[in-house]
């Protein structure tokens, strides 16, 4: 049987014997099956996803300080995706306008989560001893990767969700390796942004959105990140959870 991907137009061939939930586009990896209204956050139903993640966190064994911080990472990442979704407009193979495909939306959400975790790790490196830092980051990374997958892919088969979590974890370490090459977080006054952490991140997000040459989008991403960093108040969080 042949299924044409609605996002990129690629024709995908299947035997018809496999489970529908295992059918993804061979080109862009978009799901080729209906995934249910409860996980269609790309409409944008960000407030629902925020609520779902908050509910998931309530059932996780974690201190209140850490739960509140992880929730802030989720909230700021979801808001950031909505900002980008409003800045991006594209057309599918049938010339219908859309903002982000589900795959782009999902990838951008996780890249923001990875980025905020990386910033947390940078300050933890400065303010904690190695044992404290490792203990903190292992907890934060595990929950920050797993919870969004469980919320977004709620009705998907468990084996597929586990594969997605593994892929997201791999992407996290790849991203961290790249971001670690940047010494400066922000450019100094009257300096260009190139080579700074925030600029490299903005380039990554713009590329994931399929608009890597859109300067206005990158500037919007940088402003969004600046606002989020203030809200996260990473240094205060680390000082609260640090064991003296």
C-alpha atoms as a PDB file:
ATOM      1  CA  UNK A   1       0.000   0.000   0.000  1.00  0.00           C
ATOM      2  CA  UNK A   2       1.118   3.580  -0.725  1.00  0.00           C
ATOM      3  CA  UNK A   3       0.726   6.542   1.653  1.00  0.00           C
ATOM      4  CA  UNK A   4       1.689  10.044   0.569  1.00  0.00           C
ATOM      5  CA  UNK A   5       3.122  12.208   3.337  1.00  0.00           C
ATOM      6  CA  UNK A   6       0.933  15.342   3.748  1.00  0.00           C
ATOM      7  CA  UNK A   7       3.919  17.372   4.950  1.00  0.00           C
ATOM      8  CA  UNK A   8       6.603  16.723   2.327  1.00  0.00           C
ATOM      9  CA  UNK A   9       4.794  14.771  -0.410  1.00  0.00           C
ATOM     10  CA  UNK A  10       7.045  11.672  -0.250  1.00  0.00           C
ATOM     11  CA  UNK A  11       5.330   8.437  -1.299  1.00  0.00           C
ATOM     12  CA  UNK A  12       5.814   5.746   1.341  1.00  0.00           C
ATOM     13  CA  UNK A  13       5.150   2.066   0.714  1.00  0.00           C
ATOM     14  CA  UNK A  14       3.924  -0.422   3.339  1.00  0.00           C
ATOM     15  CA  UNK A  15       2.839  -4.053   3.315  1.00  0.00           C
ATOM     16  CA  UNK A  16      -0.411  -3.299   5.114  1.00  0.00           C
ATOM     17  CA  UNK A  17       0.418  -5.923   7.736  1.00  0.00           C
ATOM     18  CA  UNK A  18       2.307  -3.632  10.109  1.00  0.00           C
ATOM     19  CA  UNK A  19       0.667  -1.696  12.950  1.00  0.00           C
ATOM     20  CA  UNK A  20      -0.578   1.731  11.877  1.00  0.00           C
ATOM     21  CA  UNK A  21       1.297   3.362  14.758  1.00  0.00           C
ATOM     22  CA  UNK A  22       4.634   2.268  13.235  1.00  0.00           C
ATOM     23  CA  UNK A  23       4.105   4.108   9.948  1.00  0.00           C
ATOM     24  CA  UNK A  24       6.318   7.192   9.621  1.00  0.00           C
ATOM     25  CA  UNK A  25       7.450   9.098   6.525  1.00  0.00           C
ATOM     26  CA  UNK A  26      10.792   7.791   5.272  1.00  0.00           C
ATOM     27  CA  UNK A  27      11.842  11.333   4.329  1.00  0.00           C
ATOM     28  CA  UNK A  28      10.723  13.743   7.092  1.00  0.00           C
ATOM     29  CA  UNK A  29       9.696  11.229   9.797  1.00  0.00           C
ATOM     30  CA  UNK A  30       6.193  12.691  10.163  1.00  0.00           C
ATOM     31  CA  UNK A  31       3.680  10.161  11.590  1.00  0.00           C
ATOM     32  CA  UNK A  32       1.411   8.777   8.881  1.00  0.00           C
ATOM     33  CA  UNK A  33      -1.413   7.881  11.243  1.00  0.00           C
ATOM     34  CA  UNK A  34      -3.933   9.826  13.292  1.00  0.00           C
ATOM     35  CA  UNK A  35      -2.617  10.399  16.779  1.00  0.00           C
ATOM     36  CA  UNK A  36      -5.704  11.683  18.538  1.00  0.00           C
ATOM     37  CA  UNK A  37      -6.826  15.130  19.629  1.00  0.00           C
ATOM     38  CA  UNK A  38      -5.376  14.827  23.114  1.00  0.00           C
ATOM     39  CA  UNK A  39      -1.803  15.154  21.820  1.00  0.00           C
ATOM     40  CA  UNK A  40      -2.324  17.621  18.959  1.00  0.00           C
ATOM     41  CA  UNK A  41      -0.505  20.429  20.740  1.00  0.00           C
ATOM     42  CA  UNK A  42       0.733  22.026  17.504  1.00  0.00           C
ATOM     43  CA  UNK A  43      -2.646  23.731  17.021  1.00  0.00           C
ATOM     44  CA  UNK A  44      -1.449  25.615  19.546  1.00  0.00           C
ATOM     45  CA  UNK A  45      -2.789  23.979  22.744  1.00  0.00           C
ATOM     46  CA  UNK A  46       0.212  24.945  24.827  1.00  0.00           C
ATOM     47  CA  UNK A  47      -1.873  25.610  27.935  1.00  0.00           C
ATOM     48  CA  UNK A  48      -3.090  21.997  27.828  1.00  0.00           C
ATOM     49  CA  UNK A  49       0.438  20.639  27.490  1.00  0.00           C
ATOM     50  CA  UNK A  50       1.590  22.814  30.397  1.00  0.00           C
ATOM     51  CA  UNK A  51      -1.256  21.417  32.503  1.00  0.00           C
ATOM     52  CA  UNK A  52      -0.497  17.823  31.448  1.00  0.00           C
ATOM     53  CA  UNK A  53       3.188  18.204  32.337  1.00  0.00           C
ATOM     54  CA  UNK A  54       2.347  19.772  35.687  1.00  0.00           C
ATOM     55  CA  UNK A  55       0.087  16.809  36.459  1.00  0.00           C
ATOM     56  CA  UNK A  56       2.812  14.346  35.440  1.00  0.00           C
ATOM     57  CA  UNK A  57       5.339  16.062  37.688  1.00  0.00           C
ATOM     58  CA  UNK A  58       3.012  15.721  40.678  1.00  0.00           C
ATOM     59  CA  UNK A  59       3.435  11.948  40.560  1.00  0.00           C
ATOM     60  CA  UNK A  60       7.243  12.021  40.352  1.00  0.00           C
ATOM     61  CA  UNK A  61       9.474  11.570  43.394  1.00  0.00           C
ATOM     62  CA  UNK A  62      11.369  14.855  43.405  1.00  0.00           C
ATOM     63  CA  UNK A  63      11.825  17.772  45.790  1.00  0.00           C
ATOM     64  CA  UNK A  64       9.499  20.761  45.415  1.00  0.00           C
ATOM     65  CA  UNK A  65      12.361  23.065  44.405  1.00  0.00           C
ATOM     66  CA  UNK A  66      13.382  20.730  41.581  1.00  0.00           C
ATOM     67  CA  UNK A  67       9.806  20.097  40.435  1.00  0.00           C
ATOM     68  CA  UNK A  68       9.126  23.826  40.286  1.00  0.00           C
ATOM     69  CA  UNK A  69      12.307  24.392  38.298  1.00  0.00           C
ATOM     70  CA  UNK A  70      11.644  21.588  35.801  1.00  0.00           C
ATOM     71  CA  UNK A  71       8.138  22.954  35.342  1.00  0.00           C
ATOM     72  CA  UNK A  72       9.623  26.391  34.598  1.00  0.00           C
ATOM     73  CA  UNK A  73      11.821  24.809  31.922  1.00  0.00           C
ATOM     74  CA  UNK A  74       8.764  23.157  30.357  1.00  0.00           C
ATOM     75  CA  UNK A  75       6.648  26.308  30.528  1.00  0.00           C
ATOM     76  CA  UNK A  76       9.310  28.558  29.003  1.00  0.00           C
ATOM     77  CA  UNK A  77      10.067  26.017  26.266  1.00  0.00           C
ATOM     78  CA  UNK A  78       6.394  25.696  25.301  1.00  0.00           C
ATOM     79  CA  UNK A  79       5.929  29.468  25.234  1.00  0.00           C
ATOM     80  CA  UNK A  80       9.048  29.767  23.071  1.00  0.00           C
ATOM     81  CA  UNK A  81       7.673  27.280  20.535  1.00  0.00           C
ATOM     82  CA  UNK A  82       4.470  29.312  20.312  1.00  0.00           C
ATOM     83  CA  UNK A  83       6.480  32.488  19.645  1.00  0.00           C
ATOM     84  CA  UNK A  84       8.334  30.719  16.835  1.00  0.00           C
ATOM     85  CA  UNK A  85       5.147  29.183  15.482  1.00  0.00           C
ATOM     86  CA  UNK A  86       3.731  32.687  15.074  1.00  0.00           C
ATOM     87  CA  UNK A  87       6.885  33.938  13.326  1.00  0.00           C
ATOM     88  CA  UNK A  88       7.070  31.130  10.771  1.00  0.00           C
ATOM     89  CA  UNK A  89       4.774  30.662   7.810  1.00  0.00           C
ATOM     90  CA  UNK A  90       5.255  27.993   5.145  1.00  0.00           C
ATOM     91  CA  UNK A  91       3.258  26.051   2.568  1.00  0.00           C
ATOM     92  CA  UNK A  92       2.787  22.307   2.189  1.00  0.00           C
ATOM     93  CA  UNK A  93       2.771  20.374  -1.107  1.00  0.00           C
ATOM     94  CA  UNK A  94      -0.835  21.472  -1.714  1.00  0.00           C
ATOM     95  CA  UNK A  95       0.078  25.160  -1.117  1.00  0.00           C
ATOM     96  CA  UNK A  96      -1.823  25.217   2.168  1.00  0.00           C
ATOM     97  CA  UNK A  97      -0.323  27.610   4.692  1.00  0.00           C
ATOM     98  CA  UNK A  98       0.970  26.253   7.985  1.00  0.00           C
ATOM     99  CA  UNK A  99       3.447  27.314  10.647  1.00  0.00           C
ATOM    100  CA  UNK A 100       5.353  24.241  11.854  1.00  0.00           C
ATOM    101  CA  UNK A 101       4.975  20.565  11.068  1.00  0.00           C
ATOM    102  CA  UNK A 102       4.482  18.249  14.047  1.00  0.00           C
ATOM    103  CA  UNK A 103       8.063  17.022  13.697  1.00  0.00           C
ATOM    104  CA  UNK A 104       9.442  20.582  13.619  1.00  0.00           C
ATOM    105  CA  UNK A 105       7.307  21.566  16.603  1.00  0.00           C
ATOM    106  CA  UNK A 106       8.446  18.542  18.614  1.00  0.00           C
ATOM    107  CA  UNK A 107      12.120  19.013  17.684  1.00  0.00           C
ATOM    108  CA  UNK A 108      12.102  22.704  18.600  1.00  0.00           C
ATOM    109  CA  UNK A 109      10.386  22.040  21.930  1.00  0.00           C
ATOM    110  CA  UNK A 110      13.060  19.528  22.903  1.00  0.00           C
ATOM    111  CA  UNK A 111      15.896  21.729  21.697  1.00  0.00           C
ATOM    112  CA  UNK A 112      14.715  24.491  24.026  1.00  0.00           C
ATOM    113  CA  UNK A 113      14.501  22.008  26.906  1.00  0.00           C
ATOM    114  CA  UNK A 114      18.020  20.767  26.114  1.00  0.00           C
ATOM    115  CA  UNK A 115      19.333  24.324  25.941  1.00  0.00           C
ATOM    116  CA  UNK A 116      17.916  25.326  29.329  1.00  0.00           C
ATOM    117  CA  UNK A 117      19.347  22.137  30.836  1.00  0.00           C
ATOM    118  CA  UNK A 118      22.721  23.035  29.354  1.00  0.00           C
ATOM    119  CA  UNK A 119      22.578  26.514  30.902  1.00  0.00           C
ATOM    120  CA  UNK A 120      21.704  24.915  34.228  1.00  0.00           C
ATOM    121  CA  UNK A 121      24.660  22.571  33.956  1.00  0.00           C
ATOM    122  CA  UNK A 122      27.012  25.471  33.173  1.00  0.00           C
ATOM    123  CA  UNK A 123      26.098  27.289  36.367  1.00  0.00           C
ATOM    124  CA  UNK A 124      26.052  24.058  38.369  1.00  0.00           C
ATOM    125  CA  UNK A 125      29.648  23.523  37.221  1.00  0.00           C
ATOM    126  CA  UNK A 126      30.576  26.917  38.681  1.00  0.00           C
ATOM    127  CA  UNK A 127      28.557  26.751  41.912  1.00  0.00           C
ATOM    128  CA  UNK A 128      28.589  23.084  42.949  1.00  0.00           C
ATOM    129  CA  UNK A 129      31.162  20.406  43.573  1.00  0.00           C
ATOM    130  CA  UNK A 130      31.291  17.622  40.984  1.00  0.00           C
ATOM    131  CA  UNK A 131      29.273  15.134  43.039  1.00  0.00           C
ATOM    132  CA  UNK A 132      26.467  17.630  43.683  1.00  0.00           C
ATOM    133  CA  UNK A 133      26.409  18.738  40.071  1.00  0.00           C
ATOM    134  CA  UNK A 134      26.251  15.188  38.699  1.00  0.00           C
ATOM    135  CA  UNK A 135      23.474  14.176  41.110  1.00  0.00           C
ATOM    136  CA  UNK A 136      21.399  17.239  40.226  1.00  0.00           C
ATOM    137  CA  UNK A 137      21.813  17.001  36.467  1.00  0.00           C
ATOM    138  CA  UNK A 138      21.076  13.264  36.293  1.00  0.00           C
ATOM    139  CA  UNK A 139      17.727  13.920  37.985  1.00  0.00           C
ATOM    140  CA  UNK A 140      16.848  16.959  35.883  1.00  0.00           C
ATOM    141  CA  UNK A 141      17.843  15.436  32.543  1.00  0.00           C
ATOM    142  CA  UNK A 142      15.988  12.161  33.100  1.00  0.00           C
ATOM    143  CA  UNK A 143      12.711  13.839  34.015  1.00  0.00           C
ATOM    144  CA  UNK A 144      13.005  16.686  31.490  1.00  0.00           C
ATOM    145  CA  UNK A 145      13.408  14.204  28.625  1.00  0.00           C
ATOM    146  CA  UNK A 146      10.876  11.580  29.693  1.00  0.00           C
ATOM    147  CA  UNK A 147       7.928  13.705  30.861  1.00  0.00           C
ATOM    148  CA  UNK A 148       7.334  15.644  27.595  1.00  0.00           C
ATOM    149  CA  UNK A 149       7.475  12.423  25.559  1.00  0.00           C
ATOM    150  CA  UNK A 150       4.950  10.782  27.895  1.00  0.00           C
ATOM    151  CA  UNK A 151       2.655  13.812  27.657  1.00  0.00           C
ATOM    152  CA  UNK A 152       2.892  14.466  23.909  1.00  0.00           C
ATOM    153  CA  UNK A 153       2.866  10.796  22.871  1.00  0.00           C
ATOM    154  CA  UNK A 154       0.315   9.751  25.471  1.00  0.00           C
ATOM    155  CA  UNK A 155      -1.551   7.192  23.338  1.00  0.00           C
ATOM    156  CA  UNK A 156       1.435   5.832  21.432  1.00  0.00           C
ATOM    157  CA  UNK A 157       2.770   2.298  22.013  1.00  0.00           C
ATOM    158  CA  UNK A 158       5.292   2.063  24.846  1.00  0.00           C
ATOM    159  CA  UNK A 159       8.075   0.671  22.649  1.00  0.00           C
ATOM    160  CA  UNK A 160       7.829   3.669  20.306  1.00  0.00           C
ATOM    161  CA  UNK A 161       7.822   6.098  23.230  1.00  0.00           C
ATOM    162  CA  UNK A 162      10.963   4.457  24.599  1.00  0.00           C
ATOM    163  CA  UNK A 163      12.677   4.784  21.216  1.00  0.00           C
ATOM    164  CA  UNK A 164      11.734   8.471  21.080  1.00  0.00           C
ATOM    165  CA  UNK A 165      13.153   9.001  24.579  1.00  0.00           C
ATOM    166  CA  UNK A 166      16.399   7.311  23.546  1.00  0.00           C
ATOM    167  CA  UNK A 167      16.615   9.492  20.447  1.00  0.00           C
ATOM    168  CA  UNK A 168      15.893  12.643  22.471  1.00  0.00           C
ATOM    169  CA  UNK A 169      18.573  11.690  24.982  1.00  0.00           C
ATOM    170  CA  UNK A 170      21.072  11.199  22.156  1.00  0.00           C
ATOM    171  CA  UNK A 171      20.100  14.560  20.674  1.00  0.00           C
ATOM    172  CA  UNK A 172      20.576  16.158  24.089  1.00  0.00           C
ATOM    173  CA  UNK A 173      24.195  15.034  24.359  1.00  0.00           C
ATOM    174  CA  UNK A 174      24.868  16.069  20.751  1.00  0.00           C
ATOM    175  CA  UNK A 175      23.460  19.538  21.414  1.00  0.00           C
ATOM    176  CA  UNK A 176      25.361  19.934  24.677  1.00  0.00           C
ATOM    177  CA  UNK A 177      28.620  19.046  22.925  1.00  0.00           C
ATOM    178  CA  UNK A 178      28.037  21.803  20.364  1.00  0.00           C
ATOM    179  CA  UNK A 179      26.912  24.434  22.886  1.00  0.00           C
ATOM    180  CA  UNK A 180      29.909  23.685  25.113  1.00  0.00           C
ATOM    181  CA  UNK A 181      32.168  25.096  22.386  1.00  0.00           C
ATOM    182  CA  UNK A 182      30.772  28.591  23.028  1.00  0.00           C
ATOM    183  CA  UNK A 183      32.512  30.438  25.855  1.00  0.00           C
ATOM    184  CA  UNK A 184      30.318  33.547  25.940  1.00  0.00           C
ATOM    185  CA  UNK A 185      26.604  33.389  26.713  1.00  0.00           C
ATOM    186  CA  UNK A 186      25.791  36.810  25.257  1.00  0.00           C
ATOM    187  CA  UNK A 187      27.694  39.383  23.184  1.00  0.00           C
ATOM    188  CA  UNK A 188      29.121  42.399  24.966  1.00  0.00           C
ATOM    189  CA  UNK A 189      27.778  45.848  24.192  1.00  0.00           C
ATOM    190  CA  UNK A 190      28.644  46.960  20.642  1.00  0.00           C
ATOM    191  CA  UNK A 191      29.943  43.457  19.798  1.00  0.00           C
ATOM    192  CA  UNK A 192      28.504  41.114  17.200  1.00  0.00           C
ATOM    193  CA  UNK A 193      26.550  38.071  18.390  1.00  0.00           C
ATOM    194  CA  UNK A 194      28.333  35.538  16.189  1.00  0.00           C
ATOM    195  CA  UNK A 195      30.071  32.798  18.122  1.00  0.00           C
ATOM    196  CA  UNK A 196      28.109  33.433  21.320  1.00  0.00           C
ATOM    197  CA  UNK A 197      25.977  30.716  22.862  1.00  0.00           C
ATOM    198  CA  UNK A 198      22.686  32.515  22.341  1.00  0.00           C
ATOM    199  CA  UNK A 199      23.457  33.162  18.652  1.00  0.00           C
ATOM    200  CA  UNK A 200      24.452  29.566  17.947  1.00  0.00           C
ATOM    201  CA  UNK A 201      21.277  28.380  19.655  1.00  0.00           C
ATOM    202  CA  UNK A 202      19.153  30.790  17.615  1.00  0.00           C
ATOM    203  CA  UNK A 203      20.763  29.430  14.435  1.00  0.00           C
ATOM    204  CA  UNK A 204      19.945  25.870  15.495  1.00  0.00           C
ATOM    205  CA  UNK A 205      16.285  26.686  16.178  1.00  0.00           C
ATOM    206  CA  UNK A 206      15.902  28.618  12.918  1.00  0.00           C
ATOM    207  CA  UNK A 207      17.323  25.639  11.044  1.00  0.00           C
ATOM    208  CA  UNK A 208      14.921  23.242  12.778  1.00  0.00           C
ATOM    209  CA  UNK A 209      12.070  25.555  11.754  1.00  0.00           C
ATOM    210  CA  UNK A 210      13.248  25.464   8.133  1.00  0.00           C
ATOM    211  CA  UNK A 211      14.060  29.193   8.185  1.00  0.00           C
ATOM    212  CA  UNK A 212      17.805  29.250   8.825  1.00  0.00           C
ATOM    213  CA  UNK A 213      18.328  32.415   6.741  1.00  0.00           C
ATOM    214  CA  UNK A 214      15.569  34.452   8.413  1.00  0.00           C
ATOM    215  CA  UNK A 215      17.435  36.981  10.585  1.00  0.00           C
ATOM    216  CA  UNK A 216      14.240  38.329  12.168  1.00  0.00           C
ATOM    217  CA  UNK A 217      13.415  34.858  13.464  1.00  0.00           C
ATOM    218  CA  UNK A 218      16.856  34.492  15.034  1.00  0.00           C
ATOM    219  CA  UNK A 219      16.513  37.857  16.770  1.00  0.00           C
ATOM    220  CA  UNK A 220      13.092  36.817  18.060  1.00  0.00           C
ATOM    221  CA  UNK A 221      14.577  33.586  19.416  1.00  0.00           C
ATOM    222  CA  UNK A 222      17.366  35.499  21.168  1.00  0.00           C
ATOM    223  CA  UNK A 223      14.877  37.827  22.849  1.00  0.00           C
ATOM    224  CA  UNK A 224      12.723  34.881  23.919  1.00  0.00           C
ATOM    225  CA  UNK A 225      15.739  33.139  25.461  1.00  0.00           C
ATOM    226  CA  UNK A 226      16.770  36.311  27.306  1.00  0.00           C
ATOM    227  CA  UNK A 227      13.309  36.583  28.848  1.00  0.00           C
ATOM    228  CA  UNK A 228      13.297  32.907  29.800  1.00  0.00           C
ATOM    229  CA  UNK A 229      16.684  33.094  31.503  1.00  0.00           C
ATOM    230  CA  UNK A 230      15.362  35.849  33.755  1.00  0.00           C
ATOM    231  CA  UNK A 231      12.316  33.760  34.627  1.00  0.00           C
ATOM    232  CA  UNK A 232      14.342  30.595  35.284  1.00  0.00           C
ATOM    233  CA  UNK A 233      16.726  32.443  37.644  1.00  0.00           C
ATOM    234  CA  UNK A 234      19.126  29.496  37.419  1.00  0.00           C
ATOM    235  CA  UNK A 235      21.637  30.777  39.942  1.00  0.00           C
ATOM    236  CA  UNK A 236      19.011  31.134  42.678  1.00  0.00           C
ATOM    237  CA  UNK A 237      17.705  27.636  41.958  1.00  0.00           C
ATOM    238  CA  UNK A 238      21.164  26.080  42.255  1.00  0.00           C
ATOM    239  CA  UNK A 239      21.835  27.903  45.502  1.00  0.00           C
ATOM    240  CA  UNK A 240      18.548  26.603  46.922  1.00  0.00           C
ATOM    241  CA  UNK A 241      19.262  22.945  46.129  1.00  0.00           C
ATOM    242  CA  UNK A 242      22.982  23.011  46.794  1.00  0.00           C
ATOM    243  CA  UNK A 243      24.060  20.942  49.771  1.00  0.00           C
ATOM    244  CA  UNK A 244      26.328  22.965  52.007  1.00  0.00           C
END
